[in-house]
Amino acid sequence: MSDDLKSTKKSLRKHFLELRTKIAADERVHLDRMIADHVREMKEFQEASMIAGYVTDGTEPDVIPLLRDALRRGSEVCLPKWNGTEYILSCVREDGIDRLEPGKWGLMEPVATDPVDLEKIGGNLLLLVPGVAFDEAFARLGRGGGIYDRFLSAGRRSFALGVFYECQKTLTLPREVHDAFLDAAVTESGVRKRIT
């Protein structure tokens, strides 16, 4: 990656993280409910045999209520977990969502390790993907670790739904060859799907 691109991405991350952080706590709760309601209406959520989510860092939209819904209806749920070498997706049960612990970089993750092989998933996988920003072409700007780019490119039968606040949307983002695109993005304003 060129120094110019690195610098551009760094300044974009700073800008969009500041916007996200400025959302008031009570407003965030309201927006999170609106986002969850939009996701619940999606057939990709309703028909998913497995849903991969994340645990909010406190500024990202909270998807844990969606994961609880999915577990109650019998879908499998997984969350990112550091295995000592890399982030993997690890299955979690409903009681496991209540027993998360700080992992790498202090991010909350499952206690137990029950790895998911994305190449061998038998049903439909819905990936709920956090990010710093997204653009009109459904490119996503993450935090720079490439964790979700790997998840997005691994699952053949997956649908990647970026979960954002409307303030995180921009016209265009810089891209690299390894960057994976989202299939859709949801904000408090609704769901936008990429036309393929």
N, C-alpha and C. Protein backbone atom coordinates (compact mmCIF):
# COMPACT_ATOMS: atom_id res chain seq x y z
N MET A 1 0.85 -1.18 0.00
CA MET A 1 0.00 0.00 0.00
C MET A 1 0.90 1.24 0.00
N SER A 2 0.56 2.18 -0.86
CA SER A 2 1.36 3.39 -0.94
C SER A 2 1.16 4.24 0.32
N ASP A 3 2.14 5.10 0.59
CA ASP A 3 2.05 5.99 1.75
C ASP A 3 0.85 6.93 1.63
N ASP A 4 0.56 7.38 0.39
CA ASP A 4 -0.59 8.28 0.18
C ASP A 4 -1.89 7.59 0.53
N LEU A 5 -2.05 6.35 0.07
CA LEU A 5 -3.27 5.60 0.35
C LEU A 5 -3.40 5.31 1.84
N LYS A 6 -2.28 4.97 2.46
CA LYS A 6 -2.27 4.70 3.90
C LYS A 6 -2.71 5.94 4.68
N SER A 7 -2.18 7.09 4.27
CA SER A 7 -2.50 8.35 4.92
C SER A 7 -3.97 8.72 4.71
N THR A 8 -4.48 8.51 3.50
CA THR A 8 -5.89 8.80 3.20
C THR A 8 -6.81 7.94 4.05
N LYS A 9 -6.51 6.65 4.11
CA LYS A 9 -7.35 5.74 4.90
C LYS A 9 -7.29 6.10 6.38
N LYS A 10 -6.12 6.47 6.85
CA LYS A 10 -5.98 6.85 8.26
C LYS A 10 -6.83 8.08 8.58
N SER A 11 -6.81 9.08 7.70
CA SER A 11 -7.59 10.29 7.97
C SER A 11 -9.10 10.01 7.84
N LEU A 12 -9.49 9.14 6.90
CA LEU A 12 -10.90 8.76 6.79
C LEU A 12 -11.36 8.01 8.03
N ARG A 13 -10.55 7.10 8.51
CA ARG A 13 -10.90 6.37 9.74
C ARG A 13 -11.12 7.34 10.90
N LYS A 14 -10.20 8.27 11.05
CA LYS A 14 -10.31 9.26 12.14
C LYS A 14 -11.62 10.05 12.01
N HIS A 15 -11.92 10.52 10.82
CA HIS A 15 -13.12 11.32 10.58
C HIS A 15 -14.39 10.53 10.91
N PHE A 16 -14.52 9.32 10.35
CA PHE A 16 -15.76 8.56 10.53
C PHE A 16 -15.88 7.99 11.94
N LEU A 17 -14.78 7.66 12.57
CA LEU A 17 -14.84 7.19 13.97
C LEU A 17 -15.29 8.33 14.87
N GLU A 18 -14.84 9.55 14.59
CA GLU A 18 -15.28 10.71 15.38
C GLU A 18 -16.78 10.94 15.21
N LEU A 19 -17.28 10.82 13.98
CA LEU A 19 -18.72 10.99 13.74
C LEU A 19 -19.52 9.95 14.53
N ARG A 20 -19.06 8.72 14.49
CA ARG A 20 -19.77 7.63 15.18
C ARG A 20 -19.73 7.82 16.69
N THR A 21 -18.60 8.28 17.19
CA THR A 21 -18.44 8.48 18.64
C THR A 21 -19.32 9.60 19.16
N LYS A 22 -19.63 10.58 18.31
CA LYS A 22 -20.42 11.74 18.74
C LYS A 22 -21.91 11.43 18.91
N ILE A 23 -22.36 10.25 18.50
CA ILE A 23 -23.77 9.91 18.67
C ILE A 23 -24.05 9.75 20.17
N ALA A 24 -25.05 10.47 20.67
CA ALA A 24 -25.40 10.41 22.10
C ALA A 24 -25.91 9.03 22.46
N ALA A 25 -25.70 8.61 23.70
CA ALA A 25 -26.04 7.25 24.15
C ALA A 25 -27.52 6.93 23.94
N ASP A 26 -28.41 7.85 24.30
CA ASP A 26 -29.85 7.57 24.14
C ASP A 26 -30.24 7.50 22.66
N GLU A 27 -29.62 8.33 21.84
CA GLU A 27 -29.86 8.28 20.40
C GLU A 27 -29.33 6.97 19.81
N ARG A 28 -28.18 6.52 20.30
CA ARG A 28 -27.57 5.27 19.83
C ARG A 28 -28.52 4.09 20.07
N VAL A 29 -29.13 4.04 21.25
CA VAL A 29 -30.07 2.96 21.58
C VAL A 29 -31.24 2.98 20.59
N HIS A 30 -31.76 4.17 20.32
CA HIS A 30 -32.88 4.32 19.37
C HIS A 30 -32.46 3.87 17.97
N LEU A 31 -31.31 4.31 17.50
CA LEU A 31 -30.82 3.95 16.17
C LEU A 31 -30.57 2.45 16.07
N ASP A 32 -30.00 1.86 17.13
CA ASP A 32 -29.74 0.42 17.13
C ASP A 32 -31.04 -0.37 16.98
N ARG A 33 -32.10 0.08 17.64
CA ARG A 33 -33.40 -0.60 17.51
C ARG A 33 -33.91 -0.50 16.07
N MET A 34 -33.78 0.67 15.48
CA MET A 34 -34.24 0.84 14.10
C MET A 34 -33.45 -0.07 13.15
N ILE A 35 -32.14 -0.13 13.35
CA ILE A 35 -31.29 -1.00 12.51
C ILE A 35 -31.72 -2.45 12.67
N ALA A 36 -31.90 -2.90 13.91
CA ALA A 36 -32.30 -4.29 14.17
C ALA A 36 -33.64 -4.60 13.53
N ASP A 37 -34.58 -3.68 13.59
CA ASP A 37 -35.89 -3.90 12.97
C ASP A 37 -35.76 -4.09 11.46
N HIS A 38 -34.90 -3.30 10.82
CA HIS A 38 -34.68 -3.45 9.37
C HIS A 38 -34.08 -4.82 9.06
N VAL A 39 -33.12 -5.25 9.86
CA VAL A 39 -32.48 -6.55 9.62
C VAL A 39 -33.49 -7.68 9.80
N ARG A 40 -34.32 -7.61 10.82
CA ARG A 40 -35.31 -8.67 11.07
C ARG A 40 -36.26 -8.87 9.89
N GLU A 41 -36.50 -7.83 9.13
CA GLU A 41 -37.41 -7.91 7.98
C GLU A 41 -36.75 -8.54 6.75
N MET A 42 -35.45 -8.69 6.76
CA MET A 42 -34.73 -9.21 5.59
C MET A 42 -34.88 -10.72 5.48
N LYS A 43 -35.12 -11.22 4.28
CA LYS A 43 -35.21 -12.68 4.09
C LYS A 43 -33.86 -13.34 4.38
N GLU A 44 -32.77 -12.62 4.13
CA GLU A 44 -31.44 -13.19 4.41
C GLU A 44 -31.26 -13.46 5.90
N PHE A 45 -31.88 -12.65 6.75
CA PHE A 45 -31.84 -12.89 8.19
C PHE A 45 -32.80 -14.02 8.56
N GLN A 46 -34.00 -13.96 8.03
CA GLN A 46 -35.01 -14.96 8.36
C GLN A 46 -34.65 -16.36 7.91
N GLU A 47 -33.91 -16.48 6.80
CA GLU A 47 -33.58 -17.79 6.23
C GLU A 47 -32.17 -18.27 6.56
N ALA A 48 -31.41 -17.49 7.30
CA ALA A 48 -30.02 -17.87 7.60
C ALA A 48 -29.96 -19.06 8.55
N SER A 49 -29.18 -20.06 8.20
CA SER A 49 -28.97 -21.19 9.11
C SER A 49 -27.86 -20.85 10.11
N MET A 50 -26.99 -19.91 9.73
CA MET A 50 -25.93 -19.44 10.62
C MET A 50 -25.78 -17.93 10.45
N ILE A 51 -25.61 -17.25 11.57
CA ILE A 51 -25.39 -15.80 11.54
C ILE A 51 -24.09 -15.50 12.28
N ALA A 52 -23.19 -14.83 11.60
CA ALA A 52 -21.94 -14.39 12.21
C ALA A 52 -22.11 -12.92 12.57
N GLY A 53 -21.93 -12.62 13.83
CA GLY A 53 -22.08 -11.24 14.28
C GLY A 53 -20.79 -10.71 14.87
N TYR A 54 -20.92 -9.74 15.72
CA TYR A 54 -19.78 -9.13 16.40
C TYR A 54 -20.30 -8.53 17.70
N VAL A 55 -19.39 -8.19 18.58
CA VAL A 55 -19.76 -7.50 19.82
C VAL A 55 -19.32 -6.06 19.66
N THR A 56 -20.25 -5.14 19.86
CA THR A 56 -19.95 -3.72 19.67
C THR A 56 -18.82 -3.26 20.58
N ASP A 57 -18.04 -2.33 20.07
CA ASP A 57 -17.00 -1.72 20.90
C ASP A 57 -17.57 -0.55 21.71
N GLY A 58 -18.89 -0.36 21.63
CA GLY A 58 -19.55 0.73 22.33
C GLY A 58 -19.95 1.87 21.41
N THR A 59 -19.34 1.90 20.22
CA THR A 59 -19.71 2.94 19.25
C THR A 59 -20.32 2.33 17.99
N GLU A 60 -20.15 1.03 17.78
CA GLU A 60 -20.75 0.34 16.63
C GLU A 60 -22.20 -0.03 16.96
N PRO A 61 -23.05 -0.18 15.95
CA PRO A 61 -24.41 -0.66 16.22
C PRO A 61 -24.38 -2.02 16.93
N ASP A 62 -25.27 -2.19 17.89
CA ASP A 62 -25.33 -3.41 18.70
C ASP A 62 -26.18 -4.46 17.99
N VAL A 63 -25.58 -5.60 17.63
CA VAL A 63 -26.32 -6.67 16.95
C VAL A 63 -26.64 -7.85 17.87
N ILE A 64 -26.27 -7.78 19.14
CA ILE A 64 -26.52 -8.89 20.06
C ILE A 64 -28.01 -9.25 20.14
N PRO A 65 -28.95 -8.27 20.18
CA PRO A 65 -30.37 -8.66 20.17
C PRO A 65 -30.74 -9.51 18.94
N LEU A 66 -30.16 -9.22 17.80
CA LEU A 66 -30.41 -10.01 16.60
C LEU A 66 -29.87 -11.43 16.75
N LEU A 67 -28.69 -11.54 17.36
CA LEU A 67 -28.10 -12.86 17.57
C LEU A 67 -28.94 -13.69 18.54
N ARG A 68 -29.48 -13.06 19.57
CA ARG A 68 -30.37 -13.76 20.51
C ARG A 68 -31.62 -14.26 19.79
N ASP A 69 -32.19 -13.41 18.93
CA ASP A 69 -33.37 -13.81 18.13
C ASP A 69 -33.04 -15.04 17.28
N ALA A 70 -31.88 -15.01 16.64
CA ALA A 70 -31.48 -16.10 15.76
C ALA A 70 -31.31 -17.40 16.55
N LEU A 71 -30.69 -17.33 17.72
CA LEU A 71 -30.52 -18.52 18.56
C LEU A 71 -31.87 -19.08 18.99
N ARG A 72 -32.80 -18.21 19.37
CA ARG A 72 -34.13 -18.67 19.81
C ARG A 72 -34.88 -19.40 18.71
N ARG A 73 -34.65 -19.00 17.48
CA ARG A 73 -35.38 -19.67 16.39
C ARG A 73 -34.61 -20.87 15.83
N GLY A 74 -33.44 -21.16 16.38
CA GLY A 74 -32.70 -22.36 16.00
C GLY A 74 -31.55 -22.18 15.05
N SER A 75 -31.22 -20.96 14.69
CA SER A 75 -30.04 -20.73 13.84
C SER A 75 -28.78 -20.83 14.68
N GLU A 76 -27.68 -21.18 14.04
CA GLU A 76 -26.39 -21.15 14.73
C GLU A 76 -25.88 -19.71 14.70
N VAL A 77 -25.10 -19.37 15.72
CA VAL A 77 -24.54 -18.03 15.83
C VAL A 77 -23.05 -18.15 16.11
N CYS A 78 -22.27 -17.28 15.50
CA CYS A 78 -20.84 -17.26 15.79
C CYS A 78 -20.34 -15.82 15.91
N LEU A 79 -19.24 -15.69 16.63
CA LEU A 79 -18.61 -14.40 16.89
C LEU A 79 -17.11 -14.51 16.63
N PRO A 80 -16.46 -13.41 16.30
CA PRO A 80 -15.00 -13.45 16.13
C PRO A 80 -14.29 -13.77 17.45
N LYS A 81 -13.24 -14.57 17.35
CA LYS A 81 -12.42 -14.92 18.52
C LYS A 81 -10.97 -15.04 18.08
N TRP A 82 -10.08 -14.45 18.85
CA TRP A 82 -8.65 -14.56 18.59
C TRP A 82 -8.19 -15.93 19.07
N ASN A 83 -7.55 -16.71 18.19
CA ASN A 83 -7.13 -18.05 18.58
C ASN A 83 -5.63 -18.13 18.88
N GLY A 84 -5.00 -16.98 19.02
CA GLY A 84 -3.56 -16.93 19.30
C GLY A 84 -2.74 -16.62 18.08
N THR A 85 -3.34 -16.83 16.89
CA THR A 85 -2.66 -16.58 15.63
C THR A 85 -3.43 -15.62 14.74
N GLU A 86 -4.76 -15.82 14.71
CA GLU A 86 -5.62 -15.01 13.86
C GLU A 86 -7.03 -15.01 14.43
N TYR A 87 -7.88 -14.14 13.88
CA TYR A 87 -9.28 -14.16 14.25
C TYR A 87 -9.99 -15.25 13.48
N ILE A 88 -10.81 -16.03 14.19
CA ILE A 88 -11.66 -17.04 13.59
C ILE A 88 -13.10 -16.72 13.98
N LEU A 89 -14.04 -17.38 13.33
CA LEU A 89 -15.42 -17.32 13.79
C LEU A 89 -15.66 -18.53 14.67
N SER A 90 -16.20 -18.29 15.86
CA SER A 90 -16.41 -19.35 16.83
C SER A 90 -17.89 -19.41 17.20
N CYS A 91 -18.49 -20.62 17.14
CA CYS A 91 -19.90 -20.79 17.48
C CYS A 91 -20.12 -20.42 18.94
N VAL A 92 -21.31 -19.89 19.22
CA VAL A 92 -21.64 -19.49 20.58
C VAL A 92 -23.10 -19.84 20.84
N ARG A 93 -23.37 -20.32 22.06
CA ARG A 93 -24.75 -20.62 22.47
C ARG A 93 -25.31 -19.41 23.20
N GLU A 94 -26.61 -19.46 23.51
CA GLU A 94 -27.24 -18.28 24.14
C GLU A 94 -26.59 -17.94 25.47
N ASP A 95 -26.28 -18.95 26.29
CA ASP A 95 -25.63 -18.63 27.56
C ASP A 95 -24.22 -18.10 27.34
N GLY A 96 -23.62 -18.44 26.20
CA GLY A 96 -22.29 -17.94 25.87
C GLY A 96 -22.26 -16.47 25.55
N ILE A 97 -23.38 -15.94 25.05
CA ILE A 97 -23.44 -14.50 24.77
C ILE A 97 -23.39 -13.71 26.07
N ASP A 98 -23.85 -14.33 27.15
CA ASP A 98 -23.82 -13.66 28.46
C ASP A 98 -22.48 -13.83 29.16
N ARG A 99 -21.59 -14.65 28.59
CA ARG A 99 -20.31 -14.93 29.26
C ARG A 99 -19.15 -14.61 28.34
N LEU A 100 -19.15 -13.43 27.77
CA LEU A 100 -18.04 -13.01 26.92
C LEU A 100 -16.91 -12.48 27.78
N GLU A 101 -15.71 -12.50 27.23
CA GLU A 101 -14.56 -11.98 27.97
C GLU A 101 -13.69 -11.15 27.04
N PRO A 102 -12.92 -10.23 27.61
CA PRO A 102 -12.03 -9.42 26.76
C PRO A 102 -10.96 -10.30 26.11
N GLY A 103 -10.78 -10.11 24.81
CA GLY A 103 -9.74 -10.82 24.07
C GLY A 103 -8.70 -9.84 23.59
N LYS A 104 -8.16 -10.12 22.42
CA LYS A 104 -7.13 -9.24 21.85
C LYS A 104 -7.69 -7.83 21.71
N TRP A 105 -6.90 -6.84 22.00
CA TRP A 105 -7.26 -5.42 21.94
C TRP A 105 -8.47 -5.09 22.83
N GLY A 106 -8.77 -5.95 23.80
CA GLY A 106 -9.87 -5.70 24.72
C GLY A 106 -11.25 -5.93 24.14
N LEU A 107 -11.34 -6.43 22.91
CA LEU A 107 -12.64 -6.71 22.30
C LEU A 107 -13.27 -7.93 22.96
N MET A 108 -14.57 -7.85 23.22
CA MET A 108 -15.28 -8.95 23.87
C MET A 108 -15.48 -10.09 22.87
N GLU A 109 -15.27 -11.32 23.37
CA GLU A 109 -15.37 -12.49 22.51
C GLU A 109 -15.80 -13.71 23.31
N PRO A 110 -16.21 -14.79 22.63
CA PRO A 110 -16.64 -15.99 23.36
C PRO A 110 -15.52 -16.56 24.22
N VAL A 111 -15.92 -17.20 25.33
CA VAL A 111 -14.95 -17.84 26.21
C VAL A 111 -14.44 -19.12 25.55
N ALA A 112 -15.37 -19.95 25.10
CA ALA A 112 -15.00 -21.23 24.48
C ALA A 112 -14.66 -21.03 23.01
N THR A 113 -13.81 -21.91 22.49
CA THR A 113 -13.46 -21.89 21.08
C THR A 113 -14.14 -23.06 20.39
N ASP A 114 -15.04 -22.76 19.47
CA ASP A 114 -15.75 -23.76 18.68
C ASP A 114 -15.70 -23.27 17.23
N PRO A 115 -14.57 -23.50 16.55
CA PRO A 115 -14.32 -22.89 15.24
C PRO A 115 -15.34 -23.28 14.17
N VAL A 116 -15.61 -22.32 13.29
CA VAL A 116 -16.47 -22.54 12.14
C VAL A 116 -15.58 -22.60 10.91
N ASP A 117 -15.78 -23.63 10.07
CA ASP A 117 -15.09 -23.71 8.79
C ASP A 117 -16.01 -23.11 7.75
N LEU A 118 -15.73 -21.89 7.33
CA LEU A 118 -16.60 -21.17 6.40
C LEU A 118 -16.76 -21.90 5.07
N GLU A 119 -15.77 -22.69 4.69
CA GLU A 119 -15.84 -23.42 3.42
C GLU A 119 -16.80 -24.60 3.50
N LYS A 120 -17.15 -25.03 4.72
CA LYS A 120 -17.97 -26.24 4.86
C LYS A 120 -19.36 -25.99 5.40
N ILE A 121 -19.79 -24.72 5.40
CA ILE A 121 -21.13 -24.42 5.91
C ILE A 121 -22.16 -24.98 4.95
N GLY A 122 -23.11 -25.73 5.52
CA GLY A 122 -24.11 -26.40 4.69
C GLY A 122 -25.30 -25.55 4.30
N GLY A 123 -25.59 -24.51 5.05
CA GLY A 123 -26.75 -23.68 4.77
C GLY A 123 -26.35 -22.28 4.38
N ASN A 124 -27.24 -21.35 4.64
CA ASN A 124 -26.99 -19.95 4.31
C ASN A 124 -26.36 -19.23 5.50
N LEU A 125 -25.28 -18.54 5.24
CA LEU A 125 -24.57 -17.78 6.26
C LEU A 125 -24.82 -16.29 6.03
N LEU A 126 -25.27 -15.62 7.08
CA LEU A 126 -25.39 -14.16 7.06
C LEU A 126 -24.26 -13.59 7.90
N LEU A 127 -23.42 -12.78 7.27
CA LEU A 127 -22.34 -12.10 7.98
C LEU A 127 -22.79 -10.68 8.32
N LEU A 128 -22.90 -10.37 9.61
CA LEU A 128 -23.18 -9.01 10.06
C LEU A 128 -21.83 -8.35 10.27
N VAL A 129 -21.50 -7.40 9.43
CA VAL A 129 -20.14 -6.87 9.37
C VAL A 129 -20.08 -5.42 9.86
N PRO A 130 -19.28 -5.16 10.90
CA PRO A 130 -19.10 -3.78 11.33
C PRO A 130 -18.10 -3.08 10.42
N GLY A 131 -18.00 -1.79 10.55
CA GLY A 131 -17.02 -1.06 9.76
C GLY A 131 -16.97 0.39 10.18
N VAL A 132 -16.01 1.08 9.64
CA VAL A 132 -15.83 2.50 9.94
C VAL A 132 -16.65 3.36 8.98
N ALA A 133 -16.74 2.90 7.71
CA ALA A 133 -17.51 3.63 6.70
C ALA A 133 -17.84 2.68 5.55
N PHE A 134 -18.82 3.08 4.74
CA PHE A 134 -19.12 2.35 3.52
C PHE A 134 -19.49 3.36 2.44
N ASP A 135 -19.38 2.93 1.18
CA ASP A 135 -19.68 3.87 0.10
C ASP A 135 -20.80 3.34 -0.79
N GLU A 136 -21.12 4.12 -1.83
CA GLU A 136 -22.24 3.79 -2.70
C GLU A 136 -22.02 2.54 -3.53
N ALA A 137 -20.77 2.11 -3.68
CA ALA A 137 -20.46 0.88 -4.41
C ALA A 137 -20.39 -0.32 -3.47
N PHE A 138 -20.67 -0.10 -2.17
CA PHE A 138 -20.64 -1.12 -1.13
C PHE A 138 -19.23 -1.58 -0.77
N ALA A 139 -18.26 -0.70 -1.00
CA ALA A 139 -16.93 -0.91 -0.44
C ALA A 139 -17.01 -0.53 1.04
N ARG A 140 -16.18 -1.15 1.84
CA ARG A 140 -16.19 -0.95 3.29
C ARG A 140 -14.81 -0.55 3.75
N LEU A 141 -14.76 0.41 4.66
CA LEU A 141 -13.51 0.79 5.31
C LEU A 141 -13.56 0.22 6.72
N GLY A 142 -12.63 -0.69 7.01
CA GLY A 142 -12.55 -1.27 8.35
C GLY A 142 -11.49 -0.55 9.17
N ARG A 143 -11.07 -1.20 10.22
CA ARG A 143 -10.06 -0.59 11.09
C ARG A 143 -8.63 -0.81 10.61
N GLY A 144 -8.48 -1.63 9.57
CA GLY A 144 -7.15 -1.79 8.98
C GLY A 144 -6.49 -3.12 9.22
N GLY A 145 -7.13 -4.01 9.95
CA GLY A 145 -6.52 -5.31 10.23
C GLY A 145 -6.80 -6.37 9.19
N GLY A 146 -7.77 -6.14 8.31
CA GLY A 146 -8.09 -7.11 7.26
C GLY A 146 -8.87 -8.32 7.75
N ILE A 147 -9.34 -8.29 9.00
CA ILE A 147 -10.04 -9.45 9.58
C ILE A 147 -11.29 -9.78 8.77
N TYR A 148 -12.11 -8.77 8.55
CA TYR A 148 -13.39 -9.03 7.87
C TYR A 148 -13.20 -9.26 6.38
N ASP A 149 -12.16 -8.71 5.76
CA ASP A 149 -11.90 -9.01 4.36
C ASP A 149 -11.68 -10.51 4.18
N ARG A 150 -11.00 -11.13 5.14
CA ARG A 150 -10.75 -12.57 5.08
C ARG A 150 -12.06 -13.35 5.24
N PHE A 151 -12.89 -12.94 6.21
CA PHE A 151 -14.18 -13.60 6.40
C PHE A 151 -15.05 -13.44 5.16
N LEU A 152 -15.07 -12.24 4.59
CA LEU A 152 -15.92 -11.96 3.44
C LEU A 152 -15.53 -12.77 2.22
N SER A 153 -14.26 -13.04 2.07
CA SER A 153 -13.82 -13.77 0.88
C SER A 153 -13.84 -15.28 1.09
N ALA A 154 -14.05 -15.75 2.31
CA ALA A 154 -13.97 -17.18 2.59
C ALA A 154 -15.26 -17.94 2.34
N GLY A 155 -16.39 -17.39 2.74
CA GLY A 155 -17.64 -18.15 2.66
C GLY A 155 -18.28 -18.07 1.29
N ARG A 156 -18.49 -19.23 0.66
CA ARG A 156 -19.10 -19.26 -0.67
C ARG A 156 -20.60 -19.00 -0.63
N ARG A 157 -21.25 -19.44 0.44
CA ARG A 157 -22.70 -19.31 0.51
C ARG A 157 -23.07 -18.25 1.56
N SER A 158 -22.38 -17.16 1.52
CA SER A 158 -22.62 -16.13 2.54
C SER A 158 -23.21 -14.87 1.92
N PHE A 159 -23.91 -14.12 2.75
CA PHE A 159 -24.44 -12.81 2.39
C PHE A 159 -23.85 -11.83 3.39
N ALA A 160 -23.10 -10.85 2.90
CA ALA A 160 -22.40 -9.90 3.76
C ALA A 160 -23.21 -8.62 3.92
N LEU A 161 -23.70 -8.38 5.12
CA LEU A 161 -24.50 -7.21 5.44
C LEU A 161 -23.70 -6.28 6.33
N GLY A 162 -23.30 -5.13 5.79
CA GLY A 162 -22.60 -4.14 6.59
C GLY A 162 -23.59 -3.45 7.52
N VAL A 163 -23.21 -3.28 8.78
CA VAL A 163 -24.09 -2.68 9.79
C VAL A 163 -23.47 -1.35 10.22
N PHE A 164 -24.15 -0.25 9.89
CA PHE A 164 -23.59 1.08 10.09
C PHE A 164 -24.66 2.06 10.57
N TYR A 165 -24.20 3.23 10.97
CA TYR A 165 -25.09 4.38 11.14
C TYR A 165 -25.03 5.19 9.85
N GLU A 166 -26.09 5.94 9.59
CA GLU A 166 -26.17 6.72 8.35
C GLU A 166 -25.00 7.69 8.22
N CYS A 167 -24.48 8.21 9.33
CA CYS A 167 -23.36 9.15 9.28
C CYS A 167 -22.07 8.51 8.76
N GLN A 168 -22.07 7.18 8.60
CA GLN A 168 -20.88 6.47 8.12
C GLN A 168 -20.89 6.26 6.61
N LYS A 169 -21.92 6.73 5.94
CA LYS A 169 -22.02 6.56 4.50
C LYS A 169 -21.29 7.70 3.80
N THR A 170 -20.58 7.35 2.72
CA THR A 170 -19.87 8.35 1.92
C THR A 170 -20.00 7.98 0.45
N LEU A 171 -19.67 8.91 -0.40
CA LEU A 171 -19.82 8.70 -1.83
C LEU A 171 -18.88 7.61 -2.34
N THR A 172 -17.60 7.73 -1.99
CA THR A 172 -16.62 6.75 -2.46
C THR A 172 -15.47 6.62 -1.46
N LEU A 173 -14.92 5.41 -1.40
CA LEU A 173 -13.79 5.11 -0.52
C LEU A 173 -12.63 4.61 -1.35
N PRO A 174 -11.40 4.84 -0.90
CA PRO A 174 -10.24 4.26 -1.60
C PRO A 174 -10.27 2.74 -1.43
N ARG A 175 -9.83 2.03 -2.47
CA ARG A 175 -9.88 0.57 -2.44
C ARG A 175 -8.53 -0.03 -2.81
N GLU A 176 -8.34 -1.27 -2.29
CA GLU A 176 -7.17 -2.07 -2.67
C GLU A 176 -7.68 -3.36 -3.27
N VAL A 177 -6.83 -4.10 -3.95
CA VAL A 177 -7.27 -5.31 -4.65
C VAL A 177 -7.85 -6.37 -3.71
N HIS A 178 -7.36 -6.44 -2.48
CA HIS A 178 -7.85 -7.47 -1.56
C HIS A 178 -9.15 -7.09 -0.85
N ASP A 179 -9.59 -5.84 -1.01
CA ASP A 179 -10.81 -5.40 -0.34
C ASP A 179 -12.03 -6.14 -0.89
N ALA A 180 -12.87 -6.65 0.01
CA ALA A 180 -14.10 -7.35 -0.38
C ALA A 180 -15.28 -6.39 -0.28
N PHE A 181 -16.23 -6.55 -1.17
CA PHE A 181 -17.42 -5.71 -1.17
C PHE A 181 -18.54 -6.34 -0.36
N LEU A 182 -19.40 -5.51 0.18
CA LEU A 182 -20.58 -5.95 0.90
C LEU A 182 -21.69 -6.27 -0.11
N ASP A 183 -22.58 -7.17 0.28
CA ASP A 183 -23.77 -7.44 -0.54
C ASP A 183 -24.85 -6.41 -0.27
N ALA A 184 -24.84 -5.86 0.93
CA ALA A 184 -25.84 -4.88 1.33
C ALA A 184 -25.30 -4.12 2.53
N ALA A 185 -25.96 -3.01 2.84
CA ALA A 185 -25.63 -2.24 4.04
C ALA A 185 -26.94 -1.81 4.69
N VAL A 186 -26.97 -1.84 6.01
CA VAL A 186 -28.15 -1.40 6.74
C VAL A 186 -27.74 -0.27 7.67
N THR A 187 -28.60 0.74 7.73
CA THR A 187 -28.46 1.85 8.68
C THR A 187 -29.85 2.07 9.27
N GLU A 188 -29.97 3.07 10.11
CA GLU A 188 -31.28 3.40 10.66
C GLU A 188 -32.26 3.82 9.56
N SER A 189 -31.75 4.21 8.39
CA SER A 189 -32.62 4.63 7.29
C SER A 189 -33.18 3.47 6.47
N GLY A 190 -32.61 2.29 6.64
CA GLY A 190 -33.09 1.13 5.88
C GLY A 190 -31.96 0.30 5.33
N VAL A 191 -32.33 -0.64 4.45
CA VAL A 191 -31.37 -1.57 3.84
C VAL A 191 -31.13 -1.14 2.40
N ARG A 192 -29.87 -1.08 2.01
CA ARG A 192 -29.49 -0.84 0.62
C ARG A 192 -28.80 -2.10 0.14
N LYS A 193 -29.23 -2.62 -1.02
CA LYS A 193 -28.61 -3.84 -1.57
C LYS A 193 -27.83 -3.51 -2.83
N ARG A 194 -26.70 -4.19 -2.95
CA ARG A 194 -25.87 -4.03 -4.14
C ARG A 194 -26.53 -4.75 -5.31
N ILE A 195 -26.57 -4.13 -6.44
CA ILE A 195 -27.13 -4.76 -7.64
C ILE A 195 -25.98 -5.43 -8.36
N THR A 196 -26.12 -6.74 -8.58
CA THR A 196 -25.04 -7.49 -9.23
C THR A 196 -25.45 -7.95 -10.61
